[in-house]
């Protein structure tokens, strides 16, 4: 996530905004678990995996909105 952004900008926001940092960490955790479950490495029931995928997308959307708000303020 935020691969197309300047790494320094992302790191600055991670340091400055506790909510962004918490969401970012949660997204990374969910991404890892979903990836492992899809690969068959982590056995997760399909219903739980579906909930995790929705939470991951919701978290990504919230992160993007925070990012957009920050970049809009700086321009």
Protein backbone atom coordinates (compact mmCIF):
# COMPACT_ATOMS: atom_id res chain seq x y z
CA UNK A 1 0.00 0.00 0.00
CA UNK A 2 1.18 3.51 -0.83
CA UNK A 3 3.83 2.00 -3.11
CA UNK A 4 3.58 4.98 -5.44
CA UNK A 5 4.14 7.49 -2.65
CA UNK A 6 7.42 8.85 -1.39
CA UNK A 7 8.65 6.55 1.39
CA UNK A 8 9.66 9.57 3.49
CA UNK A 9 6.11 10.98 3.25
CA UNK A 10 4.58 7.69 4.39
CA UNK A 11 7.06 7.34 7.25
CA UNK A 12 6.42 10.93 8.35
CA UNK A 13 2.68 10.28 8.51
CA UNK A 14 3.25 7.02 10.38
CA UNK A 15 5.25 8.94 12.99
CA UNK A 16 2.91 11.92 13.20
CA UNK A 17 -0.50 10.24 13.21
CA UNK A 18 -1.21 7.46 15.73
CA UNK A 19 -4.51 6.57 14.05
CA UNK A 20 -2.86 6.22 10.64
CA UNK A 21 -0.09 4.10 12.21
CA UNK A 22 -2.62 1.83 13.97
CA UNK A 23 -4.65 1.35 10.79
CA UNK A 24 -1.51 0.78 8.72
CA UNK A 25 -0.29 -1.91 11.12
CA UNK A 26 -3.71 -3.56 11.19
CA UNK A 27 -3.87 -3.58 7.40
CA UNK A 28 -0.43 -5.20 7.20
CA UNK A 29 -1.46 -7.84 9.75
CA UNK A 30 -4.66 -8.65 7.87
CA UNK A 31 -2.85 -8.67 4.54
CA UNK A 32 -0.35 -11.21 5.83
CA UNK A 33 -3.03 -13.47 7.30
CA UNK A 34 -5.23 -13.30 4.22
CA UNK A 35 -2.26 -14.05 1.98
CA UNK A 36 -1.25 -17.03 4.14
CA UNK A 37 -4.83 -18.33 4.23
CA UNK A 38 -5.19 -18.01 0.45
CA UNK A 39 -1.90 -19.88 0.03
CA UNK A 40 -3.13 -22.66 2.30
CA UNK A 41 -0.45 -22.02 4.92
CA UNK A 42 -2.84 -20.70 7.57
CA UNK A 43 -6.04 -22.70 8.09
CA UNK A 44 -8.88 -20.19 8.52
CA UNK A 45 -12.55 -21.04 8.06
CA UNK A 46 -14.01 -19.47 4.92
CA UNK A 47 -16.52 -17.35 6.87
CA UNK A 48 -13.77 -15.85 9.04
CA UNK A 49 -11.54 -15.29 6.01
CA UNK A 50 -14.37 -13.42 4.30
CA UNK A 51 -14.76 -11.14 7.34
CA UNK A 52 -10.99 -10.54 7.40
CA UNK A 53 -10.98 -9.60 3.73
CA UNK A 54 -13.80 -7.09 4.24
CA UNK A 55 -12.01 -5.59 7.24
CA UNK A 56 -8.80 -5.35 5.20
CA UNK A 57 -10.60 -3.44 2.44
CA UNK A 58 -12.34 -1.18 4.94
CA UNK A 59 -9.01 -0.44 6.64
CA UNK A 60 -7.37 0.31 3.30
CA UNK A 61 -10.19 2.71 2.42
CA UNK A 62 -9.81 4.54 5.74
CA UNK A 63 -6.04 4.77 5.24
CA UNK A 64 -6.54 6.20 1.76
CA UNK A 65 -8.98 8.80 3.06
CA UNK A 66 -6.50 9.86 5.77
CA UNK A 67 -3.74 10.05 3.16
CA UNK A 68 -5.91 12.10 0.80
CA UNK A 69 -6.86 14.48 3.60
CA UNK A 70 -3.22 14.97 4.52
CA UNK A 71 -2.07 15.57 0.96
CA UNK A 72 -4.97 17.96 0.29
CA UNK A 73 -3.91 20.06 3.31
CA UNK A 74 -0.33 20.24 2.05
CA UNK A 75 -1.26 21.59 -1.38
